[in-house]
């Protein structure tokens, strides 16, 4: 089969295959604080790292079903900060609860039963039980209109200013113990996946410098 979204053609399936094809997607479980001091916590399935020197990340937020832009976007722009918290198997229920659309006076940490931990520079809190967190300094927003009020997207870019890592997930070789962490990722439909198996492949004919870069090895 094939179909053209550009031409407005429908795929003819009972469920849209688009989101279930670009998978798995890291979850941007993002905490922010409003200018009025209300803590916000919400998961975003369009999240990714951009580059490493300096380390930068991005997330894409559609518009709120309650109307207007998402609280996370507005808070990041107004305070200059957002925090990424790694979503894990143990925290999956809290991640799901925090996905509920709420008004800006609701503290989603409290709603999801998530303990708070203070940040170094970012206002607000990070998820205490998350094994890895990035405090991200806001860089810019790229707004992409789509002609649909809800699907219009705000692409937010941040520079990682502080990295927090739980000591008990660092292996003796200096790598993170991903199998212990069990990060979860977004699929399509109502589906998620969890990392419980890892395999290694080295790029063929790569130089020592290229291999070090791919592995993230300090040389």
N, C-alpha and C. Protein backbone atom coordinates (compact mmCIF):
# COMPACT_ATOMS: atom_id res chain seq x y z
N UNK A 1 0.84 -1.19 0.00
CA UNK A 1 0.00 0.00 0.00
C UNK A 1 0.88 1.25 0.00
N UNK A 2 0.33 2.34 -0.42
CA UNK A 2 0.96 3.64 -0.24
C UNK A 2 -0.12 4.70 -0.29
N UNK A 3 0.15 5.82 0.37
CA UNK A 3 -0.81 6.92 0.36
C UNK A 3 -0.05 8.23 0.53
N UNK A 4 -0.66 9.33 0.16
CA UNK A 4 0.00 10.63 0.19
C UNK A 4 -0.70 11.58 1.16
N UNK A 5 -0.14 11.75 2.38
CA UNK A 5 -0.71 12.75 3.29
C UNK A 5 -0.68 14.15 2.68
N UNK A 6 0.32 14.42 1.85
CA UNK A 6 0.45 15.73 1.21
C UNK A 6 -0.77 16.04 0.35
N UNK A 7 -1.30 15.00 -0.30
CA UNK A 7 -2.46 15.18 -1.18
C UNK A 7 -3.78 14.96 -0.44
N UNK A 8 -3.69 14.73 0.88
CA UNK A 8 -4.90 14.51 1.65
C UNK A 8 -5.47 13.12 1.53
N UNK A 9 -4.65 12.18 1.02
CA UNK A 9 -5.14 10.81 0.87
C UNK A 9 -5.17 10.11 2.23
N UNK A 10 -6.20 9.30 2.47
CA UNK A 10 -6.33 8.55 3.71
C UNK A 10 -5.69 7.17 3.54
N UNK A 11 -5.07 6.68 4.59
CA UNK A 11 -4.40 5.38 4.53
C UNK A 11 -5.37 4.22 4.48
N UNK A 12 -6.62 4.42 4.85
CA UNK A 12 -7.62 3.37 4.78
C UNK A 12 -7.57 2.37 5.92
N UNK A 13 -6.68 2.60 6.89
CA UNK A 13 -6.56 1.69 8.03
C UNK A 13 -7.37 2.23 9.20
N UNK A 14 -7.76 1.37 10.13
CA UNK A 14 -8.54 1.85 11.28
C UNK A 14 -7.72 2.69 12.24
N UNK A 15 -6.36 2.58 12.18
CA UNK A 15 -5.48 3.37 13.03
C UNK A 15 -4.38 3.99 12.17
N UNK A 16 -4.01 5.22 12.49
CA UNK A 16 -2.98 5.92 11.72
C UNK A 16 -1.62 5.23 11.92
N UNK A 17 -0.95 4.80 10.85
CA UNK A 17 0.33 4.09 11.00
C UNK A 17 1.53 5.00 11.21
N UNK A 18 1.35 6.32 11.07
CA UNK A 18 2.50 7.23 11.09
C UNK A 18 3.30 7.14 12.38
N UNK A 19 2.64 7.34 13.52
CA UNK A 19 3.37 7.34 14.78
C UNK A 19 3.92 5.97 15.15
N UNK A 20 3.35 4.92 14.58
CA UNK A 20 3.83 3.57 14.87
C UNK A 20 4.94 3.14 13.92
N UNK A 21 5.36 4.04 13.06
CA UNK A 21 6.46 3.74 12.14
C UNK A 21 7.75 4.41 12.57
N UNK A 22 7.66 5.62 13.13
CA UNK A 22 8.85 6.32 13.63
C UNK A 22 9.04 5.93 15.09
N UNK A 23 9.63 4.75 15.30
CA UNK A 23 9.72 4.19 16.66
C UNK A 23 11.06 3.49 16.87
N UNK A 24 11.43 3.25 18.13
CA UNK A 24 10.83 3.79 19.35
C UNK A 24 11.29 5.23 19.56
N UNK A 25 10.49 6.01 20.27
CA UNK A 25 10.83 7.41 20.48
C UNK A 25 11.14 7.64 21.96
N UNK A 26 12.30 8.27 22.25
CA UNK A 26 12.59 8.60 23.66
C UNK A 26 11.49 9.49 24.23
N UNK A 27 11.23 9.32 25.51
CA UNK A 27 10.20 10.13 26.16
C UNK A 27 10.84 11.34 26.81
N UNK A 28 10.38 12.51 26.42
CA UNK A 28 10.82 13.74 27.07
C UNK A 28 9.94 14.00 28.27
N UNK A 29 10.30 13.43 29.42
CA UNK A 29 9.51 13.66 30.65
C UNK A 29 10.04 14.94 31.26
N UNK A 30 9.35 16.03 31.02
CA UNK A 30 9.89 17.36 31.27
C UNK A 30 9.23 18.05 32.45
N UNK A 31 10.05 18.57 33.33
CA UNK A 31 9.56 19.36 34.45
C UNK A 31 9.95 20.82 34.26
N UNK A 32 9.02 21.69 34.59
CA UNK A 32 9.23 23.13 34.51
C UNK A 32 8.53 23.77 35.70
N UNK A 33 8.76 25.05 35.84
CA UNK A 33 8.03 25.80 36.86
C UNK A 33 7.50 27.08 36.22
N UNK A 34 6.28 27.43 36.55
CA UNK A 34 5.69 28.66 36.01
C UNK A 34 6.30 29.88 36.71
N UNK A 35 6.08 31.03 36.12
CA UNK A 35 6.58 32.27 36.74
C UNK A 35 5.89 32.53 38.08
N UNK A 36 4.76 31.86 38.31
CA UNK A 36 4.04 31.99 39.58
C UNK A 36 4.45 30.92 40.59
N UNK A 37 5.41 30.05 40.21
CA UNK A 37 5.94 29.07 41.15
C UNK A 37 5.24 27.73 41.19
N UNK A 38 4.40 27.43 40.18
CA UNK A 38 3.70 26.14 40.12
C UNK A 38 4.55 25.15 39.33
N UNK A 39 4.81 23.98 39.92
CA UNK A 39 5.61 22.95 39.25
C UNK A 39 4.76 22.19 38.24
N UNK A 40 5.35 21.93 37.08
CA UNK A 40 4.67 21.23 35.99
C UNK A 40 5.50 20.02 35.61
N UNK A 41 4.84 18.93 35.25
CA UNK A 41 5.52 17.71 34.82
C UNK A 41 4.69 17.05 33.74
N UNK A 42 5.29 16.78 32.57
CA UNK A 42 4.54 16.21 31.45
C UNK A 42 5.47 15.44 30.52
N UNK A 43 4.98 14.33 29.93
CA UNK A 43 5.78 13.56 28.98
C UNK A 43 5.52 14.01 27.54
N UNK A 44 6.60 14.04 26.76
CA UNK A 44 6.51 14.38 25.33
C UNK A 44 7.19 13.27 24.54
N UNK A 45 6.50 12.77 23.51
CA UNK A 45 7.04 11.64 22.75
C UNK A 45 7.87 12.09 21.56
N UNK A 46 7.89 13.39 21.27
CA UNK A 46 8.81 13.91 20.26
C UNK A 46 9.93 14.64 21.00
N UNK A 47 10.96 13.88 21.37
CA UNK A 47 12.09 14.40 22.14
C UNK A 47 13.35 13.74 21.61
N UNK A 48 14.45 14.51 21.57
CA UNK A 48 15.69 13.93 21.05
C UNK A 48 16.89 14.81 21.41
N UNK A 49 18.09 14.19 21.41
CA UNK A 49 19.30 15.00 21.52
C UNK A 49 19.66 15.54 20.14
N UNK A 50 20.32 16.70 20.10
CA UNK A 50 20.65 17.35 18.84
C UNK A 50 22.14 17.29 18.52
N UNK A 51 22.97 17.57 19.50
CA UNK A 51 24.41 17.54 19.31
C UNK A 51 25.07 17.41 20.67
N UNK A 52 26.41 17.26 20.68
CA UNK A 52 27.07 16.92 21.93
C UNK A 52 28.08 17.96 22.42
N UNK A 53 28.46 18.94 21.61
CA UNK A 53 29.47 19.90 22.04
C UNK A 53 29.09 21.31 21.62
N UNK A 54 28.28 22.01 22.41
CA UNK A 54 27.76 21.61 23.73
C UNK A 54 26.58 20.67 23.58
N UNK A 55 26.27 19.87 24.62
CA UNK A 55 25.11 18.99 24.52
C UNK A 55 23.81 19.79 24.46
N UNK A 56 22.98 19.46 23.48
CA UNK A 56 21.72 20.16 23.29
C UNK A 56 20.63 19.15 23.00
N UNK A 57 19.40 19.49 23.41
CA UNK A 57 18.25 18.62 23.20
C UNK A 57 17.09 19.44 22.64
N UNK A 58 16.07 18.73 22.15
CA UNK A 58 14.87 19.40 21.66
C UNK A 58 13.65 18.58 22.01
N UNK A 59 12.52 19.28 22.11
CA UNK A 59 11.24 18.57 22.19
C UNK A 59 10.23 19.35 21.37
N UNK A 60 9.26 18.63 20.84
CA UNK A 60 8.21 19.23 20.03
C UNK A 60 6.89 19.07 20.77
N UNK A 61 6.17 20.18 20.92
CA UNK A 61 4.91 20.17 21.65
C UNK A 61 3.80 20.69 20.77
N UNK A 62 2.78 19.87 20.59
CA UNK A 62 1.58 20.36 19.90
C UNK A 62 0.81 21.27 20.85
N UNK A 63 -0.29 21.83 20.38
CA UNK A 63 -1.06 22.74 21.21
C UNK A 63 -1.93 21.96 22.20
N UNK A 64 -2.27 22.60 23.29
CA UNK A 64 -3.06 21.95 24.33
C UNK A 64 -4.50 21.74 23.86
N UNK A 65 -5.07 20.61 24.23
CA UNK A 65 -6.48 20.38 23.91
C UNK A 65 -7.38 21.30 24.74
N UNK A 66 -6.78 21.94 25.77
CA UNK A 66 -7.52 22.92 26.56
C UNK A 66 -7.47 24.31 25.92
N UNK A 67 -6.68 24.41 24.84
CA UNK A 67 -6.55 25.68 24.14
C UNK A 67 -5.22 26.35 24.41
N UNK A 68 -4.60 26.88 23.38
CA UNK A 68 -3.34 27.60 23.54
C UNK A 68 -2.14 26.68 23.60
N UNK A 69 -1.00 27.26 23.96
CA UNK A 69 0.24 26.52 23.99
C UNK A 69 0.39 25.72 25.29
N UNK A 70 1.20 24.67 25.21
CA UNK A 70 1.40 23.82 26.38
C UNK A 70 2.12 24.59 27.50
N UNK A 71 1.80 24.22 28.73
CA UNK A 71 2.42 24.87 29.89
C UNK A 71 3.94 24.72 29.85
N UNK A 72 4.42 23.56 29.43
CA UNK A 72 5.87 23.31 29.40
C UNK A 72 6.57 24.33 28.52
N UNK A 73 6.01 24.59 27.35
CA UNK A 73 6.61 25.56 26.42
C UNK A 73 6.61 26.95 27.02
N UNK A 74 5.49 27.35 27.52
CA UNK A 74 5.37 28.69 28.09
C UNK A 74 6.30 28.86 29.28
N UNK A 75 6.36 27.87 30.16
CA UNK A 75 7.23 27.96 31.32
C UNK A 75 8.70 28.03 30.92
N UNK A 76 9.11 27.22 29.95
CA UNK A 76 10.50 27.23 29.50
C UNK A 76 10.88 28.60 28.95
N UNK A 77 9.99 29.20 28.18
CA UNK A 77 10.26 30.51 27.61
C UNK A 77 10.32 31.60 28.67
N UNK A 78 9.42 31.51 29.64
CA UNK A 78 9.33 32.58 30.64
C UNK A 78 10.40 32.49 31.72
N UNK A 79 10.83 31.27 32.07
CA UNK A 79 11.84 31.12 33.11
C UNK A 79 13.23 30.88 32.55
N UNK A 80 13.28 30.42 31.29
CA UNK A 80 14.57 30.13 30.67
C UNK A 80 15.11 28.74 30.96
N UNK A 81 14.25 27.85 31.51
CA UNK A 81 14.74 26.52 31.88
C UNK A 81 13.67 25.45 31.71
N UNK A 82 14.11 24.22 31.42
CA UNK A 82 13.29 23.02 31.56
C UNK A 82 14.21 21.87 31.95
N UNK A 83 13.64 20.83 32.55
CA UNK A 83 14.43 19.69 33.02
C UNK A 83 13.91 18.41 32.40
N UNK A 84 14.83 17.64 31.83
CA UNK A 84 14.46 16.31 31.31
C UNK A 84 14.75 15.27 32.38
N UNK A 85 13.76 14.40 32.62
CA UNK A 85 13.87 13.31 33.59
C UNK A 85 13.71 11.98 32.84
N UNK A 86 14.67 11.09 32.96
CA UNK A 86 14.58 9.82 32.25
C UNK A 86 13.37 9.02 32.74
N UNK A 87 12.54 8.57 31.81
CA UNK A 87 11.36 7.76 32.13
C UNK A 87 11.76 6.29 32.14
N UNK A 88 11.42 5.58 33.21
CA UNK A 88 11.82 4.19 33.37
C UNK A 88 10.62 3.29 33.63
N UNK A 89 10.89 2.00 33.57
CA UNK A 89 9.84 1.01 33.82
C UNK A 89 9.21 1.20 35.20
N UNK A 90 10.04 1.46 36.21
CA UNK A 90 9.52 1.63 37.56
C UNK A 90 8.65 2.88 37.70
N UNK A 91 8.87 3.86 36.85
CA UNK A 91 8.14 5.13 36.92
C UNK A 91 7.03 5.23 35.88
N UNK A 92 6.74 4.14 35.19
CA UNK A 92 5.82 4.18 34.04
C UNK A 92 4.43 4.70 34.41
N UNK A 93 3.91 4.30 35.56
CA UNK A 93 2.57 4.73 35.94
C UNK A 93 2.54 6.24 36.20
N UNK A 94 3.57 6.76 36.84
CA UNK A 94 3.65 8.20 37.09
C UNK A 94 3.78 8.97 35.78
N UNK A 95 4.56 8.43 34.84
CA UNK A 95 4.68 9.06 33.52
C UNK A 95 3.30 9.16 32.87
N UNK A 96 2.55 8.09 32.93
CA UNK A 96 1.23 8.05 32.31
C UNK A 96 0.26 9.02 32.98
N UNK A 97 0.28 9.08 34.30
CA UNK A 97 -0.61 9.99 35.03
C UNK A 97 -0.28 11.44 34.67
N UNK A 98 1.00 11.75 34.54
CA UNK A 98 1.41 13.13 34.26
C UNK A 98 1.07 13.56 32.84
N UNK A 99 0.61 12.63 32.01
CA UNK A 99 0.22 12.97 30.64
C UNK A 99 -1.15 13.65 30.59
N UNK A 100 -1.89 13.60 31.68
CA UNK A 100 -3.23 14.19 31.70
C UNK A 100 -3.17 15.69 31.49
N UNK A 101 -4.01 16.19 30.60
CA UNK A 101 -4.09 17.63 30.37
C UNK A 101 -4.70 18.31 31.58
N UNK A 102 -3.96 19.26 32.17
CA UNK A 102 -4.43 19.95 33.37
C UNK A 102 -4.26 21.45 33.20
N UNK A 103 -4.99 22.20 33.96
CA UNK A 103 -4.85 23.65 33.95
C UNK A 103 -3.54 24.04 34.61
N UNK A 104 -3.09 25.27 34.36
CA UNK A 104 -1.76 25.67 34.79
C UNK A 104 -1.61 25.88 36.30
N UNK A 105 -2.68 25.70 37.05
CA UNK A 105 -2.58 25.84 38.50
C UNK A 105 -2.40 24.49 39.20
N UNK A 106 -2.29 23.41 38.41
CA UNK A 106 -2.15 22.06 38.96
C UNK A 106 -0.67 21.67 39.02
N UNK A 107 -0.23 21.16 40.16
CA UNK A 107 1.13 20.63 40.33
C UNK A 107 1.10 19.16 39.94
N UNK A 108 1.65 18.84 38.76
CA UNK A 108 1.59 17.45 38.27
C UNK A 108 2.49 16.50 39.06
N UNK A 109 3.49 17.02 39.75
CA UNK A 109 4.28 16.16 40.64
C UNK A 109 3.36 15.57 41.71
N UNK A 110 2.56 16.43 42.31
CA UNK A 110 1.64 15.97 43.34
C UNK A 110 0.57 15.06 42.76
N UNK A 111 0.05 15.42 41.60
CA UNK A 111 -1.01 14.62 40.97
C UNK A 111 -0.52 13.21 40.63
N UNK A 112 0.75 13.09 40.22
CA UNK A 112 1.31 11.79 39.83
C UNK A 112 1.97 11.07 41.00
N UNK A 113 2.00 11.69 42.18
CA UNK A 113 2.63 11.07 43.33
C UNK A 113 4.13 10.95 43.21
N UNK A 114 4.76 11.96 42.58
CA UNK A 114 6.19 11.92 42.32
C UNK A 114 6.93 12.81 43.31
N UNK A 115 7.97 12.27 43.92
CA UNK A 115 8.79 13.05 44.85
C UNK A 115 9.67 14.03 44.09
N UNK A 116 9.88 15.19 44.70
CA UNK A 116 10.68 16.24 44.07
C UNK A 116 12.10 16.26 44.63
N UNK A 117 13.02 16.69 43.77
CA UNK A 117 14.40 16.94 44.18
C UNK A 117 14.82 18.26 43.58
N UNK A 118 15.55 19.05 44.33
CA UNK A 118 15.91 20.39 43.87
C UNK A 118 16.94 20.34 42.75
N UNK A 119 16.95 21.40 41.96
CA UNK A 119 17.91 21.54 40.87
C UNK A 119 19.05 22.45 41.31
N UNK A 120 20.07 22.56 40.48
CA UNK A 120 21.19 23.45 40.76
C UNK A 120 20.90 24.86 40.27
N UNK A 121 20.44 24.97 39.03
CA UNK A 121 20.15 26.29 38.45
C UNK A 121 18.68 26.45 38.05
N UNK A 122 18.10 25.39 37.51
CA UNK A 122 16.74 25.50 37.01
C UNK A 122 15.76 25.74 38.14
N UNK A 123 14.77 26.60 37.92
CA UNK A 123 13.73 26.75 38.93
C UNK A 123 12.86 25.50 38.97
N UNK A 124 12.21 25.27 40.08
CA UNK A 124 11.35 24.10 40.17
C UNK A 124 12.13 22.87 40.56
N UNK A 125 11.61 21.71 40.18
CA UNK A 125 12.14 20.45 40.68
C UNK A 125 12.43 19.47 39.55
N UNK A 126 13.18 18.44 39.91
CA UNK A 126 13.38 17.28 39.04
C UNK A 126 12.78 16.08 39.73
N UNK A 127 12.57 14.99 38.98
CA UNK A 127 11.95 13.79 39.54
C UNK A 127 12.98 13.03 40.37
N UNK A 128 12.73 12.92 41.67
CA UNK A 128 13.71 12.32 42.57
C UNK A 128 14.03 10.88 42.20
N UNK A 129 13.05 10.13 41.73
CA UNK A 129 13.27 8.72 41.44
C UNK A 129 13.83 8.43 40.07
N UNK A 130 14.00 9.45 39.26
CA UNK A 130 14.55 9.24 37.91
C UNK A 130 16.07 9.12 37.99
N UNK A 131 16.68 8.14 37.30
CA UNK A 131 18.12 7.90 37.45
C UNK A 131 19.00 8.92 36.74
N UNK A 132 18.46 9.62 35.74
CA UNK A 132 19.24 10.61 34.99
C UNK A 132 18.36 11.83 34.73
N UNK A 133 18.91 13.02 34.96
CA UNK A 133 18.16 14.25 34.66
C UNK A 133 19.10 15.27 34.03
N UNK A 134 18.57 16.05 33.10
CA UNK A 134 19.30 17.16 32.49
C UNK A 134 18.60 18.46 32.85
N UNK A 135 19.33 19.39 33.44
CA UNK A 135 18.82 20.75 33.57
C UNK A 135 19.18 21.48 32.28
N UNK A 136 18.16 21.95 31.57
CA UNK A 136 18.37 22.50 30.23
C UNK A 136 18.04 24.00 30.19
N UNK A 137 18.98 24.77 29.71
CA UNK A 137 18.78 26.21 29.56
C UNK A 137 18.11 26.47 28.22
N UNK A 138 17.01 27.17 28.26
CA UNK A 138 16.22 27.44 27.05
C UNK A 138 17.05 28.21 26.02
N UNK A 139 16.98 27.79 24.75
CA UNK A 139 17.69 28.46 23.67
C UNK A 139 16.72 29.18 22.74
N UNK A 140 15.76 28.45 22.16
CA UNK A 140 14.81 29.08 21.27
C UNK A 140 13.63 28.17 20.98
N UNK A 141 12.57 28.77 20.46
CA UNK A 141 11.39 28.05 20.01
C UNK A 141 11.19 28.30 18.53
N UNK A 142 10.97 27.24 17.79
CA UNK A 142 10.62 27.35 16.38
C UNK A 142 9.17 26.91 16.25
N UNK A 143 8.30 27.82 15.87
CA UNK A 143 6.88 27.51 15.77
C UNK A 143 6.54 27.15 14.33
N UNK A 144 5.93 25.99 14.16
CA UNK A 144 5.60 25.48 12.82
C UNK A 144 4.09 25.37 12.69
N UNK A 145 3.46 26.31 11.99
CA UNK A 145 2.00 26.24 11.83
C UNK A 145 1.62 25.13 10.86
N UNK A 146 0.48 24.49 11.12
CA UNK A 146 0.06 23.37 10.27
C UNK A 146 -1.30 23.59 9.64
N UNK A 147 -2.00 24.64 10.02
CA UNK A 147 -3.36 24.81 9.53
C UNK A 147 -4.38 24.13 10.41
N UNK A 148 -3.88 23.34 11.39
CA UNK A 148 -4.74 22.68 12.37
C UNK A 148 -4.36 23.22 13.74
N UNK A 149 -5.32 23.69 14.49
CA UNK A 149 -5.01 24.36 15.75
C UNK A 149 -4.23 23.49 16.71
N UNK A 150 -4.61 22.23 16.84
CA UNK A 150 -3.95 21.35 17.81
C UNK A 150 -2.62 20.82 17.28
N UNK A 151 -2.53 20.51 15.98
CA UNK A 151 -1.29 19.92 15.45
C UNK A 151 -0.20 20.95 15.20
N UNK A 152 -0.51 22.24 15.25
CA UNK A 152 0.53 23.26 15.18
C UNK A 152 1.55 22.97 16.27
N UNK A 153 2.84 23.05 15.91
CA UNK A 153 3.86 22.54 16.83
C UNK A 153 4.87 23.62 17.22
N UNK A 154 5.26 23.58 18.49
CA UNK A 154 6.35 24.40 19.00
C UNK A 154 7.56 23.50 19.22
N UNK A 155 8.63 23.74 18.47
CA UNK A 155 9.86 22.97 18.61
C UNK A 155 10.79 23.76 19.52
N UNK A 156 11.07 23.22 20.69
CA UNK A 156 11.84 23.93 21.72
C UNK A 156 13.23 23.31 21.84
N UNK A 157 14.24 24.16 21.80
CA UNK A 157 15.64 23.71 21.89
C UNK A 157 16.25 24.20 23.20
N UNK A 158 16.99 23.32 23.86
CA UNK A 158 17.65 23.68 25.10
C UNK A 158 19.09 23.19 25.14
N UNK A 159 19.91 23.92 25.88
CA UNK A 159 21.31 23.53 26.09
C UNK A 159 21.44 22.88 27.46
N UNK A 160 22.03 21.70 27.51
CA UNK A 160 22.17 20.98 28.77
C UNK A 160 23.23 21.66 29.63
N UNK A 161 22.78 22.19 30.77
CA UNK A 161 23.69 22.92 31.66
C UNK A 161 24.20 22.06 32.81
N UNK A 162 23.36 21.13 33.28
CA UNK A 162 23.75 20.25 34.38
C UNK A 162 23.19 18.86 34.13
N UNK A 163 24.00 17.84 34.40
CA UNK A 163 23.58 16.45 34.27
C UNK A 163 23.64 15.80 35.66
N UNK A 164 22.55 15.14 36.04
CA UNK A 164 22.50 14.42 37.31
C UNK A 164 22.37 12.93 37.01
N UNK A 165 23.23 12.10 37.61
CA UNK A 165 23.21 10.65 37.39
C UNK A 165 23.29 9.94 38.74
N UNK A 166 22.39 9.02 38.98
CA UNK A 166 22.42 8.22 40.21
C UNK A 166 23.66 7.34 40.22
N UNK A 167 24.39 7.34 41.33
CA UNK A 167 25.64 6.58 41.40
C UNK A 167 25.45 5.09 41.16
N UNK A 168 24.31 4.54 41.58
CA UNK A 168 24.13 3.09 41.52
C UNK A 168 23.81 2.57 40.12
N UNK A 169 23.73 3.43 39.12
CA UNK A 169 23.52 2.94 37.75
C UNK A 169 24.78 3.08 36.90
N UNK A 170 25.91 3.43 37.53
CA UNK A 170 27.17 3.54 36.80
C UNK A 170 27.96 2.25 37.00
N UNK A 171 28.27 1.59 35.88
CA UNK A 171 29.01 0.33 35.93
C UNK A 171 30.50 0.58 36.21
N UNK A 172 31.24 -0.45 36.61
CA UNK A 172 32.68 -0.29 36.86
C UNK A 172 33.46 0.22 35.65
N UNK A 173 32.96 -0.06 34.43
CA UNK A 173 33.67 0.42 33.24
C UNK A 173 33.32 1.86 32.88
N UNK A 174 32.47 2.49 33.71
CA UNK A 174 32.15 3.89 33.48
C UNK A 174 30.93 4.13 32.60
N UNK A 175 30.30 3.06 32.13
CA UNK A 175 29.10 3.21 31.31
C UNK A 175 27.85 3.13 32.18
N UNK A 176 26.74 3.62 31.64
CA UNK A 176 25.48 3.52 32.37
C UNK A 176 24.90 2.12 32.23
N UNK A 177 24.32 1.62 33.31
CA UNK A 177 23.74 0.29 33.32
C UNK A 177 22.30 0.38 32.80
N UNK A 178 22.17 0.35 31.48
CA UNK A 178 20.87 0.54 30.84
C UNK A 178 19.90 -0.58 31.19
N UNK A 179 20.39 -1.79 31.33
CA UNK A 179 19.51 -2.91 31.66
C UNK A 179 18.96 -2.80 33.08
N UNK A 180 19.71 -2.16 33.96
CA UNK A 180 19.21 -1.91 35.31
C UNK A 180 18.21 -0.76 35.31
N UNK A 181 18.48 0.27 34.51
CA UNK A 181 17.61 1.43 34.43
C UNK A 181 16.25 1.06 33.83
N UNK A 182 16.26 0.26 32.77
CA UNK A 182 15.05 -0.10 32.02
C UNK A 182 14.28 1.13 31.53
N UNK A 183 14.90 1.95 30.68
CA UNK A 183 14.17 3.10 30.14
C UNK A 183 12.98 2.63 29.30
N UNK A 184 11.92 3.41 29.29
CA UNK A 184 10.79 3.12 28.43
C UNK A 184 10.77 4.10 27.28
N UNK A 185 10.14 3.70 26.18
CA UNK A 185 10.07 4.54 24.98
C UNK A 185 8.66 4.44 24.40
N UNK A 186 8.31 5.44 23.63
CA UNK A 186 6.96 5.54 23.07
C UNK A 186 6.89 4.86 21.71
N UNK A 187 5.83 4.10 21.52
CA UNK A 187 5.50 3.54 20.20
C UNK A 187 4.26 4.29 19.72
N UNK A 188 3.44 3.68 18.91
CA UNK A 188 2.19 4.31 18.50
C UNK A 188 1.03 3.76 19.31
N UNK A 189 -0.20 4.14 18.89
CA UNK A 189 -1.39 3.64 19.57
C UNK A 189 -1.29 3.93 21.08
N UNK A 190 -1.59 2.94 21.93
CA UNK A 190 -1.38 3.08 23.37
C UNK A 190 -0.10 2.38 23.82
N UNK A 191 0.76 2.07 22.88
CA UNK A 191 1.87 1.15 23.13
C UNK A 191 3.17 1.86 23.52
N UNK A 192 3.89 1.20 24.43
CA UNK A 192 5.24 1.60 24.85
C UNK A 192 6.13 0.37 24.75
N UNK A 193 7.42 0.59 24.92
CA UNK A 193 8.35 -0.54 24.99
C UNK A 193 9.36 -0.24 26.08
N UNK A 194 10.08 -1.28 26.52
CA UNK A 194 11.09 -1.11 27.56
C UNK A 194 12.39 -1.75 27.07
N UNK A 195 13.51 -1.13 27.40
CA UNK A 195 14.80 -1.69 27.00
C UNK A 195 15.21 -2.77 27.99
N UNK A 196 15.19 -4.01 27.52
CA UNK A 196 15.63 -5.12 28.37
C UNK A 196 16.58 -6.05 27.62
N UNK A 197 17.05 -5.59 26.46
CA UNK A 197 18.04 -6.35 25.69
C UNK A 197 18.90 -5.37 24.91
N UNK A 198 20.19 -5.62 24.87
CA UNK A 198 21.14 -4.74 24.18
C UNK A 198 22.07 -5.59 23.32
N UNK A 199 22.36 -5.12 22.11
CA UNK A 199 23.39 -5.76 21.30
C UNK A 199 24.30 -4.67 20.75
N UNK A 200 25.54 -5.03 20.46
CA UNK A 200 26.54 -4.06 20.02
C UNK A 200 26.91 -4.27 18.57
N UNK A 201 27.08 -3.18 17.83
CA UNK A 201 27.62 -3.21 16.47
C UNK A 201 28.57 -2.04 16.31
N UNK A 202 29.76 -2.30 15.81
CA UNK A 202 30.72 -1.24 15.54
C UNK A 202 30.69 -0.91 14.05
N UNK A 203 30.76 0.39 13.75
CA UNK A 203 30.74 0.82 12.35
C UNK A 203 31.94 0.23 11.61
N UNK A 204 31.72 -0.41 10.45
CA UNK A 204 32.83 -1.02 9.72
C UNK A 204 33.78 0.03 9.14
N UNK A 205 35.05 -0.29 9.16
CA UNK A 205 36.10 0.54 8.55
C UNK A 205 36.16 1.94 9.13
N UNK A 206 35.68 2.10 10.35
CA UNK A 206 35.75 3.40 10.99
C UNK A 206 37.11 3.59 11.64
N UNK A 207 37.60 4.82 11.67
CA UNK A 207 38.87 5.11 12.31
C UNK A 207 38.71 5.04 13.82
N UNK A 208 39.83 5.03 14.52
CA UNK A 208 39.78 5.00 15.98
C UNK A 208 39.07 6.23 16.53
N UNK A 209 39.28 7.37 15.88
CA UNK A 209 38.62 8.60 16.32
C UNK A 209 37.11 8.52 16.10
N UNK A 210 36.71 7.96 14.94
CA UNK A 210 35.28 7.82 14.66
C UNK A 210 34.63 6.86 15.64
N UNK A 211 35.28 5.74 15.93
CA UNK A 211 34.73 4.77 16.87
C UNK A 211 34.61 5.38 18.26
N UNK A 212 35.61 6.15 18.67
CA UNK A 212 35.54 6.81 19.98
C UNK A 212 34.39 7.77 20.04
N UNK A 213 34.14 8.48 18.95
CA UNK A 213 33.02 9.41 18.91
C UNK A 213 31.69 8.70 18.98
N UNK A 214 31.56 7.59 18.26
CA UNK A 214 30.30 6.83 18.26
C UNK A 214 30.03 6.22 19.63
N UNK A 215 31.09 5.81 20.31
CA UNK A 215 30.94 5.18 21.62
C UNK A 215 30.82 6.22 22.74
N UNK A 216 31.20 7.46 22.43
CA UNK A 216 31.19 8.49 23.46
C UNK A 216 32.39 8.38 24.39
N UNK A 217 33.46 7.79 23.89
CA UNK A 217 34.64 7.54 24.72
C UNK A 217 35.51 8.79 24.80
N UNK A 218 35.97 9.10 25.99
CA UNK A 218 36.90 10.22 26.17
C UNK A 218 38.29 9.79 25.75
N UNK A 219 38.91 10.56 24.85
CA UNK A 219 40.25 10.23 24.37
C UNK A 219 41.20 11.38 24.61
